[in-house]
């Protein structure tokens, strides 16, 4: 057995071994995403298209619930066929991440839908988020979904922003509590959470979605990063989705002060959550 397939080996060694075996095409394929509509027609999978489009593997299929208004049983069978292809027919046998939204329910036929997150935030009972998330995670995992693009733990202080209903509100502490409960329960079902949107996505000028924002370093960390750091430190958050917009003239996705200095250095430091020690991204090397 190849070392990277041995679950008893340390993750670091497995990753190192896998990367050493990958071609450039295979590495690039793992960075890509596509929709299930790329190979599903009228609710049925086309294996010829799947093999033609993804011969080197693939990173993720997102918005997977859009496979169509078919039953959970059909979706589960489709998921198994997809994973069988990637595990058995591609050279390295890497499974593909199957992803959906899951904000307030598994968004497909047969899924249970709950009140929007802003309604849940108004309850002031974070444990409700955990109870809800456990059900969503169970329904998602049962049809083969392994990744959820949720929760939205943006701090939303401008009600003009059109996605406010997707958030838990405007208070960083309350949002943190709801986010932690949601992530813990979802990931306990085997569905990895991708919290969004890192960082300051809701604080746009004029309340316009994806518009520019002006946020100073201290507020960026102590207000907007708090729910993300809590979800990471207290619930083992699987990942974060980047803010689509820009802060102080630079797109967040390519801003090293946010994506590296703040996220990887300051927020990943063991003491930063417990002591809330501020380290200015602009001052760090």
Protein backbone atom coordinates (compact mmCIF):
# COMPACT_ATOMS: atom_id res chain seq x y z
CA UNK A 1 0.00 0.00 0.00
CA UNK A 2 1.20 3.48 -0.85
CA UNK A 3 2.05 5.50 2.25
CA UNK A 4 -0.53 8.22 1.48
CA UNK A 5 -3.32 5.63 1.54
CA UNK A 6 -2.33 4.32 4.97
CA UNK A 7 -4.70 5.92 7.51
CA UNK A 8 -2.40 4.86 10.35
CA UNK A 9 0.37 7.15 9.12
CA UNK A 10 0.65 10.80 10.27
CA UNK A 11 -1.22 13.24 8.04
CA UNK A 12 1.95 15.22 7.30
CA UNK A 13 3.73 12.14 5.99
CA UNK A 14 0.73 11.09 3.92
CA UNK A 15 0.48 14.54 2.33
CA UNK A 16 4.21 14.66 1.62
CA UNK A 17 4.09 11.24 -0.01
CA UNK A 18 1.04 12.09 -2.10
CA UNK A 19 2.50 15.38 -3.35
CA UNK A 20 5.71 13.62 -4.35
CA UNK A 21 3.71 11.32 -6.62
CA UNK A 22 1.51 13.95 -8.29
CA UNK A 23 2.04 15.34 -11.76
CA UNK A 24 1.51 19.01 -12.49
CA UNK A 25 -1.83 18.19 -14.13
CA UNK A 26 -2.98 16.26 -11.06
CA UNK A 27 -2.00 19.08 -8.72
CA UNK A 28 -3.82 21.62 -10.86
CA UNK A 29 -6.93 19.40 -10.97
CA UNK A 30 -7.14 19.39 -7.16
CA UNK A 31 -7.33 23.19 -7.19
CA UNK A 32 -10.33 23.21 -9.52
CA UNK A 33 -14.07 23.15 -8.91
CA UNK A 34 -17.08 22.56 -11.12
CA UNK A 35 -20.84 22.11 -10.95
CA UNK A 36 -22.59 18.78 -11.04
CA UNK A 37 -24.44 20.10 -14.09
CA UNK A 38 -21.17 19.58 -15.98
CA UNK A 39 -21.86 15.85 -16.19
CA UNK A 40 -25.44 15.33 -14.99
CA UNK A 41 -28.26 15.64 -17.51
CA UNK A 42 -31.93 15.39 -16.52
CA UNK A 43 -30.92 14.06 -13.12
CA UNK A 44 -28.77 11.26 -14.54
CA UNK A 45 -24.99 10.98 -14.49
CA UNK A 46 -23.12 10.73 -17.79
CA UNK A 47 -20.00 8.70 -17.03
CA UNK A 48 -18.47 9.37 -20.44
CA UNK A 49 -18.53 13.13 -19.78
CA UNK A 50 -17.16 12.60 -16.26
CA UNK A 51 -14.22 10.60 -17.59
CA UNK A 52 -13.56 13.06 -20.41
CA UNK A 53 -13.61 16.20 -18.26
CA UNK A 54 -11.78 14.92 -15.17
CA UNK A 55 -9.12 12.39 -16.20
CA UNK A 56 -6.60 13.67 -13.63
CA UNK A 57 -8.97 13.89 -10.68
CA UNK A 58 -10.79 16.95 -9.38
CA UNK A 59 -11.00 19.11 -6.29
CA UNK A 60 -14.69 19.66 -5.66
CA UNK A 61 -18.17 19.65 -7.09
CA UNK A 62 -20.02 22.57 -5.59
CA UNK A 63 -23.75 23.40 -5.38
CA UNK A 64 -24.22 19.66 -5.57
CA UNK A 65 -27.89 19.90 -4.62
CA UNK A 66 -28.47 21.31 -8.10
CA UNK A 67 -28.23 17.81 -9.57
CA UNK A 68 -31.98 18.15 -9.91
CA UNK A 69 -35.22 17.52 -8.08
CA UNK A 70 -34.54 13.84 -7.64
CA UNK A 71 -34.94 11.73 -4.53
CA UNK A 72 -32.24 11.45 -1.82
CA UNK A 73 -31.83 7.79 -2.81
CA UNK A 74 -31.02 8.78 -6.39
CA UNK A 75 -28.60 11.45 -5.23
CA UNK A 76 -26.83 8.95 -2.96
CA UNK A 77 -26.45 6.50 -5.83
CA UNK A 78 -25.09 9.28 -8.04
CA UNK A 79 -22.58 10.22 -5.34
CA UNK A 80 -21.39 6.63 -5.08
CA UNK A 81 -20.89 6.45 -8.85
CA UNK A 82 -18.91 9.68 -8.81
CA UNK A 83 -16.63 8.54 -6.00
CA UNK A 84 -16.20 5.10 -7.54
CA UNK A 85 -14.84 6.78 -10.65
CA UNK A 86 -12.37 9.02 -8.83
CA UNK A 87 -11.19 6.35 -6.40
CA UNK A 88 -11.00 3.41 -8.81
CA UNK A 89 -10.36 4.92 -12.24
CA UNK A 90 -8.02 7.88 -11.69
CA UNK A 91 -4.33 7.17 -11.16
CA UNK A 92 -4.07 8.35 -7.56
CA UNK A 93 -7.56 7.47 -6.42
CA UNK A 94 -8.27 10.76 -4.63
CA UNK A 95 -11.97 11.20 -3.74
CA UNK A 96 -13.61 14.44 -4.83
CA UNK A 97 -15.17 16.83 -2.32
CA UNK A 98 -18.94 17.02 -2.83
CA UNK A 99 -20.22 20.34 -1.59
CA UNK A 100 -23.43 22.26 -1.00
CA UNK A 101 -24.61 25.35 0.90
CA UNK A 102 -26.43 24.03 4.00
CA UNK A 103 -27.08 27.49 5.45
CA UNK A 104 -30.43 26.63 7.02
CA UNK A 105 -31.06 23.18 5.66
CA UNK A 106 -29.93 20.62 3.11
CA UNK A 107 -31.19 22.44 -0.02
CA UNK A 108 -32.56 19.61 -2.13
CA UNK A 109 -35.56 17.34 -2.44
CA UNK A 110 -36.28 15.67 0.86
CA UNK A 111 -34.16 18.07 2.90
CA UNK A 112 -35.41 19.68 6.11
CA UNK A 113 -35.48 23.48 5.96
CA UNK A 114 -35.14 25.68 9.04
CA UNK A 115 -35.55 29.43 9.66
CA UNK A 116 -32.87 31.70 8.22
CA UNK A 117 -29.84 32.44 10.37
CA UNK A 118 -30.98 35.94 11.29
CA UNK A 119 -34.12 34.39 12.78
CA UNK A 120 -32.03 31.89 14.67
CA UNK A 121 -29.82 34.68 15.99
CA UNK A 122 -32.90 36.42 17.38
CA UNK A 123 -33.55 33.41 19.60
CA UNK A 124 -30.39 34.08 21.67
CA UNK A 125 -30.04 30.30 22.03
CA UNK A 126 -26.85 29.13 20.28
CA UNK A 127 -27.56 25.50 21.14
CA UNK A 128 -30.44 25.63 18.65
CA UNK A 129 -27.86 26.13 15.89
CA UNK A 130 -26.20 22.90 16.96
CA UNK A 131 -29.46 20.94 17.00
CA UNK A 132 -30.34 22.29 13.56
CA UNK A 133 -26.87 21.71 12.13
CA UNK A 134 -26.77 18.10 13.31
CA UNK A 135 -29.91 17.35 11.28
CA UNK A 136 -28.60 19.17 8.22
CA UNK A 137 -25.27 17.37 8.48
CA UNK A 138 -26.91 13.97 8.82
CA UNK A 139 -29.14 14.53 5.78
CA UNK A 140 -26.21 15.85 3.75
CA UNK A 141 -23.81 13.06 4.63
CA UNK A 142 -26.44 10.42 3.86
CA UNK A 143 -26.43 11.49 0.20
CA UNK A 144 -22.65 11.72 -0.06
CA UNK A 145 -22.02 15.40 0.68
CA UNK A 146 -18.73 15.95 2.49
CA UNK A 147 -18.40 19.74 2.53
CA UNK A 148 -20.75 22.58 3.52
CA UNK A 149 -20.29 26.21 2.51
CA UNK A 150 -21.59 27.39 5.84
CA UNK A 151 -22.05 28.89 8.35
CA UNK A 152 -22.08 32.57 7.42
CA UNK A 153 -20.41 34.20 10.43
CA UNK A 154 -19.96 37.66 8.98
CA UNK A 155 -20.60 40.51 11.40
CA UNK A 156 -23.41 42.40 9.65
CA UNK A 157 -23.93 45.92 10.99
CA UNK A 158 -25.57 47.54 7.97
CA UNK A 159 -29.12 46.26 7.33
CA UNK A 160 -28.94 47.57 3.76
CA UNK A 161 -26.56 44.72 2.95
CA UNK A 162 -28.67 42.19 1.07
CA UNK A 163 -27.20 39.10 2.71
CA UNK A 164 -27.87 40.16 6.30
CA UNK A 165 -30.54 37.47 6.61
CA UNK A 166 -27.79 34.85 6.13
CA UNK A 167 -25.96 36.06 9.25
CA UNK A 168 -26.60 35.74 12.97
CA UNK A 169 -26.60 39.51 13.37
CA UNK A 170 -24.25 42.29 14.42
CA UNK A 171 -22.68 41.16 17.71
CA UNK A 172 -19.32 39.34 17.41
CA UNK A 173 -19.79 37.39 20.64
CA UNK A 174 -23.27 36.15 19.76
CA UNK A 175 -22.19 35.26 16.23
CA UNK A 176 -19.19 33.37 17.64
CA UNK A 177 -21.38 31.28 19.92
CA UNK A 178 -23.79 30.35 17.12
CA UNK A 179 -20.94 29.63 14.73
CA UNK A 180 -19.15 27.33 17.16
CA UNK A 181 -22.31 25.33 17.86
CA UNK A 182 -23.12 25.05 14.16
CA UNK A 183 -19.62 23.90 13.17
CA UNK A 184 -19.28 21.36 15.98
CA UNK A 185 -22.57 19.66 15.17
CA UNK A 186 -22.12 19.66 11.39
CA UNK A 187 -18.59 18.29 11.48
CA UNK A 188 -19.61 15.63 13.99
CA UNK A 189 -21.75 14.23 11.14
CA UNK A 190 -18.73 13.99 8.84
CA UNK A 191 -19.41 17.16 6.84
CA UNK A 192 -16.58 19.71 6.86
CA UNK A 193 -17.66 23.34 7.30
CA UNK A 194 -16.33 26.26 5.26
CA UNK A 195 -17.21 29.42 7.18
CA UNK A 196 -17.65 32.63 5.24
CA UNK A 197 -16.71 35.22 4.28
CA UNK A 198 -13.20 35.92 5.53
CA UNK A 199 -13.03 38.83 6.15
CA UNK A 200 -15.20 41.94 6.62
CA UNK A 201 -17.52 40.97 3.77
CA UNK A 202 -20.62 42.62 5.26
CA UNK A 203 -18.93 45.93 6.04
CA UNK A 204 -19.13 47.35 2.51
CA UNK A 205 -19.67 50.94 1.47
CA UNK A 206 -23.35 51.73 0.95
CA UNK A 207 -24.40 48.22 1.93
CA UNK A 208 -23.63 46.96 -1.57
CA UNK A 209 -22.67 43.32 -1.94
CA UNK A 210 -19.00 42.75 -2.92
CA UNK A 211 -18.32 46.50 -2.81
CA UNK A 212 -15.15 48.01 -1.35
CA UNK A 213 -14.69 48.29 2.42
CA UNK A 214 -12.61 50.52 4.67
CA UNK A 215 -11.68 48.72 7.89
CA UNK A 216 -8.73 49.45 10.17
CA UNK A 217 -6.48 46.63 11.33
CA UNK A 218 -7.63 46.52 14.95
CA UNK A 219 -11.32 46.38 14.08
CA UNK A 220 -10.67 43.85 11.35
CA UNK A 221 -9.22 41.45 13.91
CA UNK A 222 -11.10 42.22 17.11
CA UNK A 223 -14.56 42.54 15.53
CA UNK A 224 -14.72 40.73 12.22
CA UNK A 225 -12.18 37.95 12.77
CA UNK A 226 -13.48 36.97 16.21
CA UNK A 227 -16.21 34.53 15.00
CA UNK A 228 -13.78 32.87 12.60
CA UNK A 229 -11.09 32.47 15.22
CA UNK A 230 -13.64 31.07 17.67
CA UNK A 231 -14.92 28.54 15.13
CA UNK A 232 -11.34 27.48 14.42
CA UNK A 233 -10.02 27.31 17.96
CA UNK A 234 -13.13 25.95 19.68
CA UNK A 235 -14.75 23.81 16.99
CA UNK A 236 -11.94 22.78 14.63
CA UNK A 237 -13.36 24.61 11.61
CA UNK A 238 -12.54 22.85 8.34
CA UNK A 239 -11.97 25.92 6.17
CA UNK A 240 -12.84 29.51 5.33
CA UNK A 241 -14.16 31.15 2.18
CA UNK A 242 -12.59 34.45 1.16
CA UNK A 243 -14.41 37.75 0.99
CA UNK A 244 -15.18 38.51 -2.68
CA UNK A 245 -14.52 42.21 -2.26
CA UNK A 246 -11.61 44.46 -1.39
CA UNK A 247 -10.43 46.16 1.77
CA UNK A 248 -8.45 49.39 1.49
CA UNK A 249 -8.04 48.97 -2.25
CA UNK A 250 -6.72 45.41 -2.36
CA UNK A 251 -8.84 42.29 -3.04
CA UNK A 252 -8.94 40.19 0.12
CA UNK A 253 -8.16 36.96 -1.72
CA UNK A 254 -4.74 38.34 -2.74
CA UNK A 255 -4.00 40.43 0.34
CA UNK A 256 -1.08 38.82 2.23
CA UNK A 257 -1.73 40.96 5.33
CA UNK A 258 -5.13 39.28 5.72
CA UNK A 259 -4.66 35.84 4.16
CA UNK A 260 -1.24 35.15 5.65
CA UNK A 261 -0.19 37.55 8.42
CA UNK A 262 -3.58 37.80 10.11
CA UNK A 263 -5.01 34.35 9.37
CA UNK A 264 -1.96 32.09 9.37
CA UNK A 265 0.27 33.93 11.83
CA UNK A 266 -1.82 35.93 14.31
CA UNK A 267 -4.98 33.82 14.40
CA UNK A 268 -3.14 30.52 14.32
CA UNK A 269 -0.96 31.39 17.31
CA UNK A 270 -1.95 29.18 20.27
CA UNK A 271 -2.38 32.09 22.69
CA UNK A 272 -4.25 34.49 20.44
CA UNK A 273 -7.76 33.21 21.22
CA UNK A 274 -7.33 32.81 24.97
CA UNK A 275 -5.68 36.20 25.50
CA UNK A 276 -7.06 38.06 22.48
CA UNK A 277 -3.65 39.61 21.98
CA UNK A 278 -3.66 42.07 19.11
CA UNK A 279 -0.90 41.89 16.55
CA UNK A 280 -1.35 44.44 13.80
CA UNK A 281 -1.14 42.80 10.36
CA UNK A 282 0.46 45.94 8.98
CA UNK A 283 3.19 45.83 11.60
CA UNK A 284 4.00 42.14 11.28
CA UNK A 285 6.59 40.89 8.84
